[in-house]
Amino acid sequence: MANPVLEVRQASVTLDGVERLREVSFSLTPGEMAVIIGPNGAGKTSLLRLVAGELAASAGTVYLAGKESVQWSLAQRARQFAVLPQTSSLNFPFTVAEVVALGRSPHSTGQQLDAEIVAAALDAVDMTHLRDRLYTHLSGGEKQRAHLARVMAQIWRAEDAGERLLLLDEPTASLDLGHQQQLMQRVRDFAAQGVAVLLVLHDLNLALSFADRLLVLQEGRLIADGPSAEVLSPELLRRLFGASAELFHHPRTGRPIVLL
């Protein structure tokens, strides 16, 4: 089995006197795609921010590529680990291609190769036709797809980045149904190239359709971790969300589906 790109060991986070995460432990290997689920306030975004280095652990340790997270410089992180937050503010009149090219800033790979990577990342998120459009003229969903292309371009090649980790916080929130599915498939394909992916989703059926694993948070604790078919149950959904739901299996893929 491959060495983990990410390992969280008994990590807790306290903010303003409130414990947001409590003794969370899990690991993620290259090519693995894990989705964090849980009710509002469960600690999902706090966990992503901890892994991204935006929050400090009050206890426990986070390891990135076998080295303690606190030992990584910002420049090293930028070459191997990319983060897409819930919202990304950018008010300069850059073209879409220029926004995506910002992802190549940590590398010194030359204009020609960077241009090829930008073109490939734009194609991956179905935005080639918008490459020369001003970013400020895009819809909310188009802006989100442009930023996804940017963070993918940031860690596009293993030759530049080594072990790679992609962190995504609600990447489908602004997208219509077709682009939600397309984005998740592109992220799934990216993971298949050896990128470890950790993301937060509220849409359980999207999570069930694409994730290798579910990490289930409740009140800051990781209460379940494993393949979706083994983790989710009507009882767990009632416990987490107070929702009455049933689980069925997709006739083609065999993956579970949540029906309210």
C-alpha atoms as a PDB file:
ATOM      1  CA  MET A   1       0.000   0.000   0.000  1.00  0.00           C
ATOM      2  CA  ALA A   2       1.241   3.495  -0.875  1.00  0.00           C
ATOM      3  CA  ASN A   3       2.455   5.807   1.836  1.00  0.00           C
ATOM      4  CA  PRO A   4      -0.142   8.397   2.868  1.00  0.00           C
ATOM      5  CA  VAL A   5      -0.029  11.863   1.330  1.00  0.00           C
ATOM      6  CA  LEU A   6      -2.042  13.082   4.318  1.00  0.00           C
ATOM      7  CA  GLU A   7      -2.159  11.701   7.834  1.00  0.00           C
ATOM      8  CA  VAL A   8      -4.117  13.298  10.670  1.00  0.00           C
ATOM      9  CA  ARG A   9      -3.348  11.875  14.099  1.00  0.00           C
ATOM     10  CA  GLN A  10      -5.598  12.609  17.067  1.00  0.00           C
ATOM     11  CA  ALA A  11      -5.996  16.220  15.964  1.00  0.00           C
ATOM     12  CA  SER A  12      -8.129  18.682  17.920  1.00  0.00           C
ATOM     13  CA  VAL A  13      -8.850  22.329  17.131  1.00  0.00           C
ATOM     14  CA  THR A  14     -10.126  24.944  19.593  1.00  0.00           C
ATOM     15  CA  LEU A  15     -11.258  28.378  18.394  1.00  0.00           C
ATOM     16  CA  ASP A  16     -12.437  31.145  20.725  1.00  0.00           C
ATOM     17  CA  GLY A  17     -12.711  28.639  23.520  1.00  0.00           C
ATOM     18  CA  VAL A  18     -14.899  26.275  21.493  1.00  0.00           C
ATOM     19  CA  GLU A  19     -13.612  22.850  20.487  1.00  0.00           C
ATOM     20  CA  ARG A  20     -14.299  22.554  16.761  1.00  0.00           C
ATOM     21  CA  LEU A  21     -12.516  19.215  16.202  1.00  0.00           C
ATOM     22  CA  ARG A  22     -11.824  16.513  18.749  1.00  0.00           C
ATOM     23  CA  GLU A  23      -9.229  13.755  18.348  1.00  0.00           C
ATOM     24  CA  VAL A  24      -9.715  13.262  14.597  1.00  0.00           C
ATOM     25  CA  SER A  25      -7.558  10.604  12.928  1.00  0.00           C
ATOM     26  CA  PHE A  26      -7.463   9.407   9.307  1.00  0.00           C
ATOM     27  CA  SER A  27      -5.078   9.124   6.360  1.00  0.00           C
ATOM     28  CA  LEU A  28      -5.327   9.578   2.606  1.00  0.00           C
ATOM     29  CA  THR A  29      -3.194   7.880  -0.052  1.00  0.00           C
ATOM     30  CA  PRO A  30      -2.392   8.917  -3.657  1.00  0.00           C
ATOM     31  CA  GLY A  31      -5.364   8.456  -5.968  1.00  0.00           C
ATOM     32  CA  GLU A  32      -7.875   8.320  -3.135  1.00  0.00           C
ATOM     33  CA  MET A  33     -10.905  10.613  -3.066  1.00  0.00           C
ATOM     34  CA  ALA A  34     -12.547  11.138   0.328  1.00  0.00           C
ATOM     35  CA  VAL A  35     -15.627  13.264   0.989  1.00  0.00           C
ATOM     36  CA  ILE A  36     -16.324  14.833   4.377  1.00  0.00           C
ATOM     37  CA  ILE A  37     -20.022  14.876   5.271  1.00  0.00           C
ATOM     38  CA  GLY A  38     -21.961  15.939   8.327  1.00  0.00           C
ATOM     39  CA  PRO A  39     -24.515  18.477   9.554  1.00  0.00           C
ATOM     40  CA  ASN A  40     -23.884  22.202   9.765  1.00  0.00           C
ATOM     41  CA  GLY A  41     -21.405  22.995  12.503  1.00  0.00           C
ATOM     42  CA  ALA A  42     -19.929  19.493  12.516  1.00  0.00           C
ATOM     43  CA  GLY A  43     -16.407  20.771  11.788  1.00  0.00           C
ATOM     44  CA  LYS A  44     -16.123  20.002   8.073  1.00  0.00           C
ATOM     45  CA  THR A  45     -14.589  23.302   6.988  1.00  0.00           C
ATOM     46  CA  SER A  46     -12.480  23.415  10.158  1.00  0.00           C
ATOM     47  CA  LEU A  47     -10.984  20.068   9.188  1.00  0.00           C
ATOM     48  CA  LEU A  48     -10.118  21.310   5.699  1.00  0.00           C
ATOM     49  CA  ARG A  49      -8.597  24.487   7.150  1.00  0.00           C
ATOM     50  CA  LEU A  50      -6.544  22.419   9.593  1.00  0.00           C
ATOM     51  CA  VAL A  51      -5.140  20.282   6.771  1.00  0.00           C
ATOM     52  CA  ALA A  52      -4.524  23.396   4.662  1.00  0.00           C
ATOM     53  CA  GLY A  53      -2.491  24.952   7.456  1.00  0.00           C
ATOM     54  CA  GLU A  54      -4.934  27.805   8.061  1.00  0.00           C
ATOM     55  CA  LEU A  55      -5.757  26.522  11.562  1.00  0.00           C
ATOM     56  CA  ALA A  56      -3.320  25.192  14.136  1.00  0.00           C
ATOM     57  CA  ALA A  57      -4.020  21.973  15.986  1.00  0.00           C
ATOM     58  CA  SER A  58      -4.508  22.451  19.733  1.00  0.00           C
ATOM     59  CA  ALA A  59      -3.552  18.784  20.103  1.00  0.00           C
ATOM     60  CA  GLY A  60      -2.393  16.040  17.762  1.00  0.00           C
ATOM     61  CA  THR A  61      -0.442  16.271  14.518  1.00  0.00           C
ATOM     62  CA  VAL A  62      -1.017  16.647  10.774  1.00  0.00           C
ATOM     63  CA  TYR A  63       1.517  15.042   8.416  1.00  0.00           C
ATOM     64  CA  LEU A  64       1.850  15.963   4.740  1.00  0.00           C
ATOM     65  CA  ALA A  65       3.864  13.530   2.617  1.00  0.00           C
ATOM     66  CA  GLY A  66       5.366  12.071   5.791  1.00  0.00           C
ATOM     67  CA  LYS A  67       6.489  15.397   7.274  1.00  0.00           C
ATOM     68  CA  GLU A  68       4.777  17.410   9.988  1.00  0.00           C
ATOM     69  CA  SER A  69       2.579  20.087   8.450  1.00  0.00           C
ATOM     70  CA  VAL A  70       4.210  22.873  10.480  1.00  0.00           C
ATOM     71  CA  GLN A  71       7.584  22.034   8.899  1.00  0.00           C
ATOM     72  CA  TRP A  72       6.401  22.907   5.379  1.00  0.00           C
ATOM     73  CA  SER A  73       7.172  26.370   4.038  1.00  0.00           C
ATOM     74  CA  LEU A  74       4.459  28.243   2.150  1.00  0.00           C
ATOM     75  CA  ALA A  75       6.427  27.830  -1.081  1.00  0.00           C
ATOM     76  CA  GLN A  76       6.700  24.062  -0.606  1.00  0.00           C
ATOM     77  CA  ARG A  77       2.991  23.781   0.156  1.00  0.00           C
ATOM     78  CA  ALA A  78       2.076  25.762  -2.933  1.00  0.00           C
ATOM     79  CA  ARG A  79       3.952  23.357  -5.197  1.00  0.00           C
ATOM     80  CA  GLN A  80       2.296  20.197  -3.870  1.00  0.00           C
ATOM     81  CA  PHE A  81      -0.971  21.094  -2.158  1.00  0.00           C
ATOM     82  CA  ALA A  82      -3.819  23.125  -3.654  1.00  0.00           C
ATOM     83  CA  VAL A  83      -6.898  24.488  -1.882  1.00  0.00           C
ATOM     84  CA  LEU A  84     -10.240  25.670  -3.266  1.00  0.00           C
ATOM     85  CA  PRO A  85     -12.252  27.447  -0.540  1.00  0.00           C
ATOM     86  CA  GLN A  86     -16.013  27.957  -0.593  1.00  0.00           C
ATOM     87  CA  THR A  87     -15.577  31.442  -2.026  1.00  0.00           C
ATOM     88  CA  SER A  88     -12.665  32.955  -3.922  1.00  0.00           C
ATOM     89  CA  SER A  89     -12.607  36.743  -4.323  1.00  0.00           C
ATOM     90  CA  LEU A  90     -10.854  38.267  -7.315  1.00  0.00           C
ATOM     91  CA  ASN A  91     -11.863  41.694  -8.595  1.00  0.00           C
ATOM     92  CA  PHE A  92      -9.169  42.346 -11.189  1.00  0.00           C
ATOM     93  CA  PRO A  93     -10.184  42.265 -14.873  1.00  0.00           C
ATOM     94  CA  PHE A  94      -8.071  39.223 -15.721  1.00  0.00           C
ATOM     95  CA  THR A  95      -9.114  36.887 -18.487  1.00  0.00           C
ATOM     96  CA  VAL A  96     -10.131  33.379 -17.498  1.00  0.00           C
ATOM     97  CA  ALA A  97      -6.873  32.005 -18.916  1.00  0.00           C
ATOM     98  CA  GLU A  98      -4.888  34.510 -16.830  1.00  0.00           C
ATOM     99  CA  VAL A  99      -6.735  33.445 -13.676  1.00  0.00           C
ATOM    100  CA  VAL A 100      -5.950  29.794 -14.347  1.00  0.00           C
ATOM    101  CA  ALA A 101      -2.323  30.675 -15.092  1.00  0.00           C
ATOM    102  CA  LEU A 102      -2.008  32.037 -11.541  1.00  0.00           C
ATOM    103  CA  GLY A 103      -1.955  28.408 -10.455  1.00  0.00           C
ATOM    104  CA  ARG A 104       1.410  27.962 -12.148  1.00  0.00           C
ATOM    105  CA  SER A 105       3.054  30.747 -10.115  1.00  0.00           C
ATOM    106  CA  PRO A 106       4.780  28.386  -7.622  1.00  0.00           C
ATOM    107  CA  HIS A 107       6.590  26.599 -10.460  1.00  0.00           C
ATOM    108  CA  SER A 108       9.390  27.556 -12.833  1.00  0.00           C
ATOM    109  CA  THR A 109       8.364  25.396 -15.756  1.00  0.00           C
ATOM    110  CA  GLY A 110       8.438  27.979 -18.551  1.00  0.00           C
ATOM    111  CA  GLN A 111       5.751  29.799 -20.520  1.00  0.00           C
ATOM    112  CA  GLN A 112       5.197  27.126 -23.151  1.00  0.00           C
ATOM    113  CA  LEU A 113       4.582  24.271 -20.720  1.00  0.00           C
ATOM    114  CA  ASP A 114       2.505  26.484 -18.445  1.00  0.00           C
ATOM    115  CA  ALA A 115       0.350  27.525 -21.403  1.00  0.00           C
ATOM    116  CA  GLU A 116      -0.213  23.851 -22.286  1.00  0.00           C
ATOM    117  CA  ILE A 117      -1.218  23.074 -18.694  1.00  0.00           C
ATOM    118  CA  VAL A 118      -3.590  26.050 -18.575  1.00  0.00           C
ATOM    119  CA  ALA A 119      -5.219  24.885 -21.813  1.00  0.00           C
ATOM    120  CA  ALA A 120      -5.610  21.342 -20.471  1.00  0.00           C
ATOM    121  CA  ALA A 121      -7.079  22.564 -17.171  1.00  0.00           C
ATOM    122  CA  LEU A 122      -9.556  24.801 -18.996  1.00  0.00           C
ATOM    123  CA  ASP A 123     -10.610  21.883 -21.161  1.00  0.00           C
ATOM    124  CA  ALA A 124     -11.056  19.710 -18.065  1.00  0.00           C
ATOM    125  CA  VAL A 125     -13.664  22.098 -16.638  1.00  0.00           C
ATOM    126  CA  ASP A 126     -15.344  22.852 -20.000  1.00  0.00           C
ATOM    127  CA  MET A 127     -14.169  26.479 -20.169  1.00  0.00           C
ATOM    128  CA  THR A 128     -11.961  26.554 -23.265  1.00  0.00           C
ATOM    129  CA  HIS A 129     -14.565  28.669 -25.042  1.00  0.00           C
ATOM    130  CA  LEU A 130     -14.371  31.227 -22.208  1.00  0.00           C
ATOM    131  CA  ARG A 131     -10.578  31.467 -21.980  1.00  0.00           C
ATOM    132  CA  ASP A 132     -10.514  35.095 -23.227  1.00  0.00           C
ATOM    133  CA  ARG A 133     -13.605  36.245 -21.301  1.00  0.00           C
ATOM    134  CA  LEU A 134     -12.977  38.688 -18.448  1.00  0.00           C
ATOM    135  CA  TYR A 135     -13.265  36.891 -15.116  1.00  0.00           C
ATOM    136  CA  THR A 136     -15.374  39.734 -13.704  1.00  0.00           C
ATOM    137  CA  HIS A 137     -17.996  39.081 -16.419  1.00  0.00           C
ATOM    138  CA  LEU A 138     -18.531  35.437 -15.452  1.00  0.00           C
ATOM    139  CA  SER A 139     -21.465  33.967 -13.576  1.00  0.00           C
ATOM    140  CA  GLY A 140     -20.921  32.580 -10.082  1.00  0.00           C
ATOM    141  CA  GLY A 141     -20.757  29.027 -11.361  1.00  0.00           C
ATOM    142  CA  GLU A 142     -18.319  29.944 -14.126  1.00  0.00           C
ATOM    143  CA  LYS A 143     -16.075  31.686 -11.611  1.00  0.00           C
ATOM    144  CA  GLN A 144     -16.066  28.557  -9.456  1.00  0.00           C
ATOM    145  CA  ARG A 145     -15.081  26.396 -12.423  1.00  0.00           C
ATOM    146  CA  ALA A 146     -12.296  28.851 -13.326  1.00  0.00           C
ATOM    147  CA  HIS A 147     -10.886  28.568  -9.811  1.00  0.00           C
ATOM    148  CA  LEU A 148     -11.102  24.784  -9.948  1.00  0.00           C
ATOM    149  CA  ALA A 149      -9.038  24.891 -13.155  1.00  0.00           C
ATOM    150  CA  ARG A 150      -6.569  27.194 -11.370  1.00  0.00           C
ATOM    151  CA  VAL A 151      -5.989  24.838  -8.427  1.00  0.00           C
ATOM    152  CA  MET A 152      -5.793  21.822 -10.729  1.00  0.00           C
ATOM    153  CA  ALA A 153      -3.182  23.640 -12.838  1.00  0.00           C
ATOM    154  CA  GLN A 154      -1.251  24.353  -9.639  1.00  0.00           C
ATOM    155  CA  ILE A 155      -0.561  20.643  -9.055  1.00  0.00           C
ATOM    156  CA  TRP A 156      -1.152  19.372 -12.584  1.00  0.00           C
ATOM    157  CA  ARG A 157       2.044  17.362 -13.021  1.00  0.00           C
ATOM    158  CA  ALA A 158       3.647  14.915 -10.620  1.00  0.00           C
ATOM    159  CA  GLU A 159       6.984  15.869 -12.199  1.00  0.00           C
ATOM    160  CA  ASP A 160       6.620  19.364 -10.732  1.00  0.00           C
ATOM    161  CA  ALA A 161       4.823  18.599  -7.503  1.00  0.00           C
ATOM    162  CA  GLY A 162       5.711  15.098  -6.320  1.00  0.00           C
ATOM    163  CA  GLU A 163       3.009  13.824  -3.966  1.00  0.00           C
ATOM    164  CA  ARG A 164      -0.092  15.939  -4.486  1.00  0.00           C
ATOM    165  CA  LEU A 165      -3.124  16.826  -2.376  1.00  0.00           C
ATOM    166  CA  LEU A 166      -6.222  18.720  -3.538  1.00  0.00           C
ATOM    167  CA  LEU A 167      -8.576  20.237  -0.931  1.00  0.00           C
ATOM    168  CA  LEU A 168     -12.035  21.409  -2.041  1.00  0.00           C
ATOM    169  CA  ASP A 169     -14.704  23.059   0.119  1.00  0.00           C
ATOM    170  CA  GLU A 170     -18.180  22.755  -1.426  1.00  0.00           C
ATOM    171  CA  PRO A 171     -16.917  23.011  -5.028  1.00  0.00           C
ATOM    172  CA  THR A 172     -20.358  22.334  -6.570  1.00  0.00           C
ATOM    173  CA  ALA A 173     -22.362  24.868  -4.532  1.00  0.00           C
ATOM    174  CA  SER A 174     -22.778  27.409  -7.383  1.00  0.00           C
ATOM    175  CA  LEU A 175     -23.181  24.945 -10.237  1.00  0.00           C
ATOM    176  CA  ASP A 176     -26.170  23.627 -12.141  1.00  0.00           C
ATOM    177  CA  LEU A 177     -26.834  19.892 -12.201  1.00  0.00           C
ATOM    178  CA  GLY A 178     -24.907  19.164 -15.382  1.00  0.00           C
ATOM    179  CA  HIS A 179     -21.816  21.059 -14.290  1.00  0.00           C
ATOM    180  CA  GLN A 180     -21.979  19.506 -10.815  1.00  0.00           C
ATOM    181  CA  GLN A 181     -21.675  16.070 -12.373  1.00  0.00           C
ATOM    182  CA  GLN A 182     -19.041  17.218 -14.831  1.00  0.00           C
ATOM    183  CA  LEU A 183     -16.933  18.877 -12.134  1.00  0.00           C
ATOM    184  CA  MET A 184     -17.077  15.841  -9.887  1.00  0.00           C
ATOM    185  CA  GLN A 185     -16.099  13.560 -12.758  1.00  0.00           C
ATOM    186  CA  ARG A 186     -13.132  15.815 -13.575  1.00  0.00           C
ATOM    187  CA  VAL A 187     -12.042  15.717  -9.942  1.00  0.00           C
ATOM    188  CA  ARG A 188     -12.485  11.937  -9.975  1.00  0.00           C
ATOM    189  CA  ASP A 189     -10.320  11.707 -13.112  1.00  0.00           C
ATOM    190  CA  PHE A 190      -7.716  13.968 -11.495  1.00  0.00           C
ATOM    191  CA  ALA A 191      -7.575  11.683  -8.473  1.00  0.00           C
ATOM    192  CA  ALA A 192      -7.003   8.744 -10.807  1.00  0.00           C
ATOM    193  CA  GLN A 193      -3.733  10.415 -11.850  1.00  0.00           C
ATOM    194  CA  GLY A 194      -2.367   9.895  -8.348  1.00  0.00           C
ATOM    195  CA  VAL A 195      -3.725  12.997  -6.630  1.00  0.00           C
ATOM    196  CA  ALA A 196      -5.173  12.572  -3.134  1.00  0.00           C
ATOM    197  CA  VAL A 197      -8.441  14.523  -2.928  1.00  0.00           C
ATOM    198  CA  LEU A 198     -10.262  15.622   0.223  1.00  0.00           C
ATOM    199  CA  LEU A 199     -13.470  17.595  -0.180  1.00  0.00           C
ATOM    200  CA  VAL A 200     -16.546  18.774   1.655  1.00  0.00           C
ATOM    201  CA  LEU A 201     -19.974  18.168   0.101  1.00  0.00           C
ATOM    202  CA  HIS A 202     -23.510  18.712   1.352  1.00  0.00           C
ATOM    203  CA  ASP A 203     -25.055  16.773  -1.538  1.00  0.00           C
ATOM    204  CA  LEU A 204     -24.995  13.193  -0.274  1.00  0.00           C
ATOM    205  CA  ASN A 205     -25.839  11.653  -3.637  1.00  0.00           C
ATOM    206  CA  LEU A 206     -22.926  13.430  -5.308  1.00  0.00           C
ATOM    207  CA  ALA A 207     -20.690  12.171  -2.514  1.00  0.00           C
ATOM    208  CA  LEU A 208     -22.009   8.637  -2.883  1.00  0.00           C
ATOM    209  CA  SER A 209     -21.571   8.725  -6.663  1.00  0.00           C
ATOM    210  CA  PHE A 210     -17.920   9.740  -6.710  1.00  0.00           C
ATOM    211  CA  ALA A 211     -16.182   9.178  -3.373  1.00  0.00           C
ATOM    212  CA  ASP A 212     -13.949   6.255  -2.504  1.00  0.00           C
ATOM    213  CA  ARG A 213     -14.571   6.979   1.172  1.00  0.00           C
ATOM    214  CA  LEU A 214     -16.822   8.999   3.409  1.00  0.00           C
ATOM    215  CA  LEU A 215     -15.517  10.760   6.501  1.00  0.00           C
ATOM    216  CA  VAL A 216     -18.506  11.429   8.750  1.00  0.00           C
ATOM    217  CA  LEU A 217     -18.234  14.273  11.259  1.00  0.00           C
ATOM    218  CA  GLN A 218     -20.596  15.067  14.089  1.00  0.00           C
ATOM    219  CA  GLU A 219     -19.913  17.711  16.724  1.00  0.00           C
ATOM    220  CA  GLY A 220     -16.236  17.754  15.805  1.00  0.00           C
ATOM    221  CA  ARG A 221     -15.734  14.002  16.087  1.00  0.00           C
ATOM    222  CA  LEU A 222     -15.043  11.586  13.252  1.00  0.00           C
ATOM    223  CA  ILE A 223     -17.764   9.028  13.937  1.00  0.00           C
ATOM    224  CA  ALA A 224     -17.382   6.932  10.754  1.00  0.00           C
ATOM    225  CA  ASP A 225     -14.787   6.443   8.011  1.00  0.00           C
ATOM    226  CA  GLY A 226     -15.014   3.978   5.154  1.00  0.00           C
ATOM    227  CA  PRO A 227     -16.605   3.065   1.804  1.00  0.00           C
ATOM    228  CA  SER A 228     -20.000   4.685   1.387  1.00  0.00           C
ATOM    229  CA  ALA A 229     -21.862   1.382   1.150  1.00  0.00           C
ATOM    230  CA  GLU A 230     -20.452   0.388   4.526  1.00  0.00           C
ATOM    231  CA  VAL A 231     -20.804   3.743   6.260  1.00  0.00           C
ATOM    232  CA  LEU A 232     -24.228   5.168   5.405  1.00  0.00           C
ATOM    233  CA  SER A 233     -27.460   3.805   6.790  1.00  0.00           C
ATOM    234  CA  PRO A 234     -30.953   5.226   7.437  1.00  0.00           C
ATOM    235  CA  GLU A 235     -30.100   5.201  11.136  1.00  0.00           C
ATOM    236  CA  LEU A 236     -26.945   7.263  10.603  1.00  0.00           C
ATOM    237  CA  LEU A 237     -28.841   9.775   8.440  1.00  0.00           C
ATOM    238  CA  ARG A 238     -31.432  10.207  11.193  1.00  0.00           C
ATOM    239  CA  ARG A 239     -28.656  10.641  13.756  1.00  0.00           C
ATOM    240  CA  LEU A 240     -26.790  13.211  11.686  1.00  0.00           C
ATOM    241  CA  PHE A 241     -29.537  15.228  10.037  1.00  0.00           C
ATOM    242  CA  GLY A 242     -32.759  14.264  11.815  1.00  0.00           C
ATOM    243  CA  ALA A 243     -33.978  13.149   8.396  1.00  0.00           C
ATOM    244  CA  SER A 244     -36.075  10.166   7.459  1.00  0.00           C
ATOM    245  CA  ALA A 245     -34.424   8.689   4.387  1.00  0.00           C
ATOM    246  CA  GLU A 246     -33.979   5.384   2.613  1.00  0.00           C
ATOM    247  CA  LEU A 247     -30.952   3.977   0.817  1.00  0.00           C
ATOM    248  CA  PHE A 248     -31.249   2.232  -2.539  1.00  0.00           C
ATOM    249  CA  HIS A 249     -28.638   0.985  -4.971  1.00  0.00           C
ATOM    250  CA  HIS A 250     -28.196   2.425  -8.426  1.00  0.00           C
ATOM    251  CA  PRO A 251     -29.163  -0.253 -10.979  1.00  0.00           C
ATOM    252  CA  ARG A 252     -26.129   0.471 -13.162  1.00  0.00           C
ATOM    253  CA  THR A 253     -23.318   1.407 -10.767  1.00  0.00           C
ATOM    254  CA  GLY A 254     -24.473  -0.424  -7.655  1.00  0.00           C
ATOM    255  CA  ARG A 255     -23.630   2.650  -5.556  1.00  0.00           C
ATOM    256  CA  PRO A 256     -26.094   3.674  -2.840  1.00  0.00           C
ATOM    257  CA  ILE A 257     -28.603   6.495  -3.401  1.00  0.00           C
ATOM    258  CA  VAL A 258     -30.339   8.529  -0.710  1.00  0.00           C
ATOM    259  CA  LEU A 259     -34.081   9.094  -1.165  1.00  0.00           C
ATOM    260  CA  LEU A 260     -36.048  11.308   1.215  1.00  0.00           C
END
